[in-house]
Amino acid sequence: MVEKKKSVRGKLIEGTIIKMKAKKTAQVEVVTTKYISKYERSLVKKSKYAVHVPEDISVSVGDYVLCGETRKISKTKSLIIIKKINKKSSGDLNEAN
């Protein structure tokens, strides 16, 4: 098996894998919080992305992963899993570069 280089450009996101129904596709949920000062409350938003799973990375449901934007792979997939990360070190996105 020849390892292919993953060309990542654009944004990086971190999220939890919630589904792995298809062969090379995973569903990743990204949670973002935003503080609204007018109401003194935090707004929590959840987004779901279809992400490509490379053959050299083994992940399962519940894993916390780092994903990068790449070229369009299919109709809904334009992100690829870069690596599996620990939830504790999730704040530093610059480690992947």
N, C-alpha and C. Protein backbone atom coordinates (compact mmCIF):
# COMPACT_ATOMS: atom_id res chain seq x y z
N MET A 1 0.84 -1.18 0.00
CA MET A 1 0.00 0.00 0.00
C MET A 1 0.88 1.25 0.00
N VAL A 2 0.71 2.10 -0.96
CA VAL A 2 1.46 3.33 -1.08
C VAL A 2 0.72 4.44 -0.34
N GLU A 3 1.43 5.13 0.55
CA GLU A 3 0.80 6.21 1.31
C GLU A 3 0.72 7.46 0.44
N LYS A 4 -0.48 8.01 0.31
CA LYS A 4 -0.68 9.21 -0.49
C LYS A 4 -0.57 10.44 0.41
N LYS A 5 -0.03 11.51 -0.14
CA LYS A 5 0.06 12.75 0.60
C LYS A 5 -1.30 13.42 0.65
N LYS A 6 -1.68 13.85 1.84
CA LYS A 6 -2.95 14.52 2.02
C LYS A 6 -2.75 16.02 1.85
N SER A 7 -3.30 16.59 0.80
CA SER A 7 -3.17 18.02 0.54
C SER A 7 -4.27 18.75 1.29
N VAL A 8 -3.89 19.44 2.35
CA VAL A 8 -4.86 20.16 3.17
C VAL A 8 -4.65 21.65 2.98
N ARG A 9 -5.73 22.35 2.69
CA ARG A 9 -5.68 23.80 2.56
C ARG A 9 -6.97 24.35 3.14
N GLY A 10 -6.94 25.56 3.60
CA GLY A 10 -8.16 26.15 4.16
C GLY A 10 -8.24 25.94 5.66
N LYS A 11 -9.46 25.78 6.15
CA LYS A 11 -9.67 25.75 7.60
C LYS A 11 -9.44 24.37 8.19
N LEU A 12 -9.14 24.36 9.48
CA LEU A 12 -9.01 23.15 10.28
C LEU A 12 -10.15 23.14 11.29
N ILE A 13 -10.76 21.98 11.47
CA ILE A 13 -11.83 21.85 12.46
C ILE A 13 -11.56 20.65 13.35
N GLU A 14 -12.08 20.71 14.56
CA GLU A 14 -12.00 19.61 15.50
C GLU A 14 -13.41 19.18 15.85
N GLY A 15 -13.62 17.88 15.94
CA GLY A 15 -14.96 17.42 16.28
C GLY A 15 -14.96 15.96 16.67
N THR A 16 -16.14 15.49 17.02
CA THR A 16 -16.34 14.11 17.46
C THR A 16 -17.04 13.33 16.37
N ILE A 17 -16.59 12.11 16.13
CA ILE A 17 -17.22 11.25 15.14
C ILE A 17 -18.51 10.70 15.73
N ILE A 18 -19.63 10.91 15.02
CA ILE A 18 -20.93 10.44 15.52
C ILE A 18 -21.50 9.30 14.70
N LYS A 19 -21.06 9.15 13.43
CA LYS A 19 -21.55 8.08 12.57
C LYS A 19 -20.44 7.60 11.66
N MET A 20 -20.45 6.30 11.38
CA MET A 20 -19.55 5.72 10.38
C MET A 20 -20.31 4.65 9.62
N LYS A 21 -21.30 5.06 8.84
CA LYS A 21 -22.14 4.12 8.10
C LYS A 21 -21.50 3.70 6.78
N ALA A 22 -20.91 4.64 6.06
CA ALA A 22 -20.32 4.34 4.75
C ALA A 22 -18.89 3.83 4.93
N LYS A 23 -18.31 3.32 3.87
CA LYS A 23 -17.01 2.67 3.94
C LYS A 23 -15.87 3.64 4.27
N LYS A 24 -15.78 4.75 3.56
CA LYS A 24 -14.68 5.70 3.76
C LYS A 24 -15.17 7.07 4.21
N THR A 25 -16.36 7.12 4.81
CA THR A 25 -16.94 8.39 5.22
C THR A 25 -17.35 8.33 6.68
N ALA A 26 -17.11 9.41 7.38
CA ALA A 26 -17.55 9.55 8.77
C ALA A 26 -18.31 10.85 8.91
N GLN A 27 -19.23 10.89 9.85
CA GLN A 27 -19.97 12.11 10.15
C GLN A 27 -19.36 12.71 11.41
N VAL A 28 -18.87 13.95 11.32
CA VAL A 28 -18.21 14.62 12.43
C VAL A 28 -19.08 15.78 12.90
N GLU A 29 -19.26 15.86 14.22
CA GLU A 29 -20.05 16.94 14.80
C GLU A 29 -19.10 17.93 15.47
N VAL A 30 -19.24 19.21 15.11
CA VAL A 30 -18.41 20.27 15.64
C VAL A 30 -19.29 21.18 16.50
N VAL A 31 -18.88 21.40 17.74
CA VAL A 31 -19.64 22.24 18.67
C VAL A 31 -18.88 23.55 18.85
N THR A 32 -19.56 24.68 18.60
CA THR A 32 -18.97 26.00 18.80
C THR A 32 -19.83 26.79 19.78
N THR A 33 -19.19 27.53 20.65
CA THR A 33 -19.91 28.37 21.60
C THR A 33 -19.54 29.83 21.34
N LYS A 34 -20.53 30.69 21.45
CA LYS A 34 -20.33 32.11 21.23
C LYS A 34 -21.06 32.86 22.33
N TYR A 35 -20.37 33.78 22.99
CA TYR A 35 -20.97 34.55 24.07
C TYR A 35 -21.66 35.78 23.50
N ILE A 36 -22.92 35.98 23.87
CA ILE A 36 -23.69 37.15 23.43
C ILE A 36 -23.84 38.08 24.63
N SER A 37 -23.17 39.22 24.56
CA SER A 37 -23.11 40.11 25.71
C SER A 37 -24.45 40.79 26.01
N LYS A 38 -25.27 41.02 24.99
CA LYS A 38 -26.56 41.67 25.20
C LYS A 38 -27.45 40.84 26.13
N TYR A 39 -27.45 39.54 25.94
CA TYR A 39 -28.29 38.66 26.75
C TYR A 39 -27.52 37.98 27.87
N GLU A 40 -26.20 38.20 27.93
CA GLU A 40 -25.33 37.58 28.93
C GLU A 40 -25.50 36.07 28.96
N ARG A 41 -25.53 35.48 27.79
CA ARG A 41 -25.70 34.04 27.64
C ARG A 41 -24.72 33.53 26.57
N SER A 42 -24.50 32.25 26.60
CA SER A 42 -23.69 31.61 25.58
C SER A 42 -24.58 30.88 24.60
N LEU A 43 -24.29 31.02 23.33
CA LEU A 43 -25.02 30.34 22.28
C LEU A 43 -24.20 29.14 21.82
N VAL A 44 -24.78 27.96 21.86
CA VAL A 44 -24.09 26.74 21.47
C VAL A 44 -24.65 26.30 20.12
N LYS A 45 -23.76 26.14 19.14
CA LYS A 45 -24.16 25.69 17.81
C LYS A 45 -23.46 24.37 17.51
N LYS A 46 -24.19 23.48 16.83
CA LYS A 46 -23.63 22.20 16.41
C LYS A 46 -23.73 22.11 14.90
N SER A 47 -22.64 21.69 14.27
CA SER A 47 -22.62 21.49 12.83
C SER A 47 -22.14 20.08 12.54
N LYS A 48 -22.71 19.47 11.51
CA LYS A 48 -22.31 18.13 11.12
C LYS A 48 -21.67 18.19 9.73
N TYR A 49 -20.54 17.51 9.59
CA TYR A 49 -19.81 17.48 8.33
C TYR A 49 -19.56 16.04 7.92
N ALA A 50 -19.65 15.78 6.62
CA ALA A 50 -19.23 14.50 6.07
C ALA A 50 -17.74 14.60 5.80
N VAL A 51 -16.97 13.64 6.34
CA VAL A 51 -15.51 13.70 6.30
C VAL A 51 -14.96 12.41 5.72
N HIS A 52 -13.92 12.54 4.89
CA HIS A 52 -13.26 11.37 4.30
C HIS A 52 -12.31 10.74 5.31
N VAL A 53 -12.34 9.42 5.41
CA VAL A 53 -11.45 8.68 6.30
C VAL A 53 -10.38 7.99 5.45
N PRO A 54 -9.12 8.41 5.55
CA PRO A 54 -8.06 7.74 4.80
C PRO A 54 -7.83 6.32 5.31
N GLU A 55 -7.23 5.48 4.46
CA GLU A 55 -7.00 4.08 4.82
C GLU A 55 -5.98 3.92 5.93
N ASP A 56 -5.00 4.85 6.05
CA ASP A 56 -3.95 4.71 7.04
C ASP A 56 -4.34 5.19 8.43
N ILE A 57 -5.53 5.74 8.61
CA ILE A 57 -6.00 6.21 9.91
C ILE A 57 -7.16 5.32 10.35
N SER A 58 -7.05 4.78 11.56
CA SER A 58 -8.14 3.95 12.09
C SER A 58 -8.86 4.73 13.19
N VAL A 59 -10.11 5.04 12.96
CA VAL A 59 -10.93 5.77 13.91
C VAL A 59 -12.26 5.04 14.09
N SER A 60 -12.94 5.36 15.18
CA SER A 60 -14.24 4.76 15.43
C SER A 60 -15.17 5.83 16.00
N VAL A 61 -16.41 5.46 16.21
CA VAL A 61 -17.42 6.39 16.73
C VAL A 61 -17.01 6.82 18.13
N GLY A 62 -17.08 8.13 18.38
CA GLY A 62 -16.73 8.67 19.68
C GLY A 62 -15.34 9.26 19.75
N ASP A 63 -14.50 9.05 18.73
CA ASP A 63 -13.14 9.59 18.71
C ASP A 63 -13.18 11.08 18.40
N TYR A 64 -12.24 11.83 18.99
CA TYR A 64 -12.09 13.26 18.75
C TYR A 64 -11.00 13.42 17.69
N VAL A 65 -11.32 14.04 16.56
CA VAL A 65 -10.40 14.10 15.43
C VAL A 65 -10.17 15.53 14.96
N LEU A 66 -9.04 15.71 14.25
CA LEU A 66 -8.71 16.97 13.60
C LEU A 66 -8.91 16.77 12.11
N CYS A 67 -9.70 17.64 11.49
CA CYS A 67 -10.02 17.54 10.06
C CYS A 67 -9.54 18.79 9.35
N GLY A 68 -9.13 18.62 8.11
CA GLY A 68 -8.67 19.74 7.29
C GLY A 68 -9.44 19.81 5.99
N GLU A 69 -9.58 21.02 5.50
CA GLU A 69 -10.29 21.24 4.24
C GLU A 69 -9.38 20.87 3.06
N THR A 70 -9.95 20.23 2.08
CA THR A 70 -9.20 19.79 0.91
C THR A 70 -10.07 19.97 -0.33
N ARG A 71 -9.63 19.41 -1.44
CA ARG A 71 -10.44 19.51 -2.66
C ARG A 71 -11.74 18.73 -2.47
N LYS A 72 -12.70 18.96 -3.33
CA LYS A 72 -13.98 18.26 -3.28
C LYS A 72 -13.75 16.78 -3.58
N ILE A 73 -14.15 15.90 -2.66
CA ILE A 73 -13.98 14.47 -2.84
C ILE A 73 -15.25 13.86 -3.41
N SER A 74 -16.38 14.32 -2.94
CA SER A 74 -17.68 13.88 -3.47
C SER A 74 -18.64 15.05 -3.35
N LYS A 75 -19.93 14.79 -3.51
CA LYS A 75 -20.92 15.86 -3.46
C LYS A 75 -20.93 16.56 -2.10
N THR A 76 -20.77 15.80 -1.03
CA THR A 76 -20.86 16.38 0.31
C THR A 76 -19.53 16.43 1.05
N LYS A 77 -18.50 15.74 0.57
CA LYS A 77 -17.24 15.67 1.30
C LYS A 77 -16.20 16.63 0.73
N SER A 78 -15.73 17.53 1.59
CA SER A 78 -14.61 18.38 1.22
C SER A 78 -13.64 18.52 2.40
N LEU A 79 -13.77 17.62 3.38
CA LEU A 79 -12.87 17.58 4.53
C LEU A 79 -12.26 16.19 4.62
N ILE A 80 -11.06 16.12 5.20
CA ILE A 80 -10.37 14.84 5.38
C ILE A 80 -9.82 14.78 6.80
N ILE A 81 -9.86 13.59 7.40
CA ILE A 81 -9.33 13.43 8.75
C ILE A 81 -7.80 13.44 8.67
N ILE A 82 -7.18 14.31 9.48
CA ILE A 82 -5.73 14.41 9.51
C ILE A 82 -5.17 13.48 10.58
N LYS A 83 -5.74 13.56 11.80
CA LYS A 83 -5.26 12.70 12.87
C LYS A 83 -6.28 12.62 13.98
N LYS A 84 -6.13 11.59 14.80
CA LYS A 84 -6.94 11.43 16.00
C LYS A 84 -6.22 12.14 17.14
N ILE A 85 -6.94 12.95 17.91
CA ILE A 85 -6.30 13.72 18.97
C ILE A 85 -6.98 13.43 20.30
N ASN A 86 -6.27 13.76 21.35
CA ASN A 86 -6.84 13.66 22.69
C ASN A 86 -7.68 14.88 22.97
N LYS A 87 -8.75 14.71 23.71
CA LYS A 87 -9.65 15.82 24.02
C LYS A 87 -8.93 16.89 24.82
N LYS A 88 -7.94 16.53 25.63
CA LYS A 88 -7.23 17.48 26.48
C LYS A 88 -6.43 18.49 25.68
N SER A 89 -5.78 18.05 24.59
CA SER A 89 -4.93 18.93 23.80
C SER A 89 -5.65 19.53 22.60
N SER A 90 -6.97 19.69 22.70
CA SER A 90 -7.74 20.14 21.55
C SER A 90 -7.62 21.63 21.27
N GLY A 91 -7.05 22.42 22.19
CA GLY A 91 -7.02 23.85 22.00
C GLY A 91 -5.98 24.33 21.00
N ASP A 92 -4.94 23.55 20.73
CA ASP A 92 -3.87 24.00 19.86
C ASP A 92 -4.00 23.42 18.47
N LEU A 93 -4.43 24.24 17.51
CA LEU A 93 -4.61 23.78 16.13
C LEU A 93 -3.29 23.85 15.35
N ASN A 94 -2.28 24.55 15.86
CA ASN A 94 -1.06 24.74 15.11
C ASN A 94 -0.14 23.52 15.11
N GLU A 95 -0.45 22.50 15.94
CA GLU A 95 0.37 21.30 15.97
C GLU A 95 0.30 20.52 14.67
N ALA A 96 -0.81 20.62 13.95
CA ALA A 96 -1.00 19.85 12.71
C ALA A 96 -0.15 20.40 11.57
N ASN A 97 0.21 21.67 11.61
CA ASN A 97 0.94 22.29 10.51
C ASN A 97 2.41 22.05 10.60
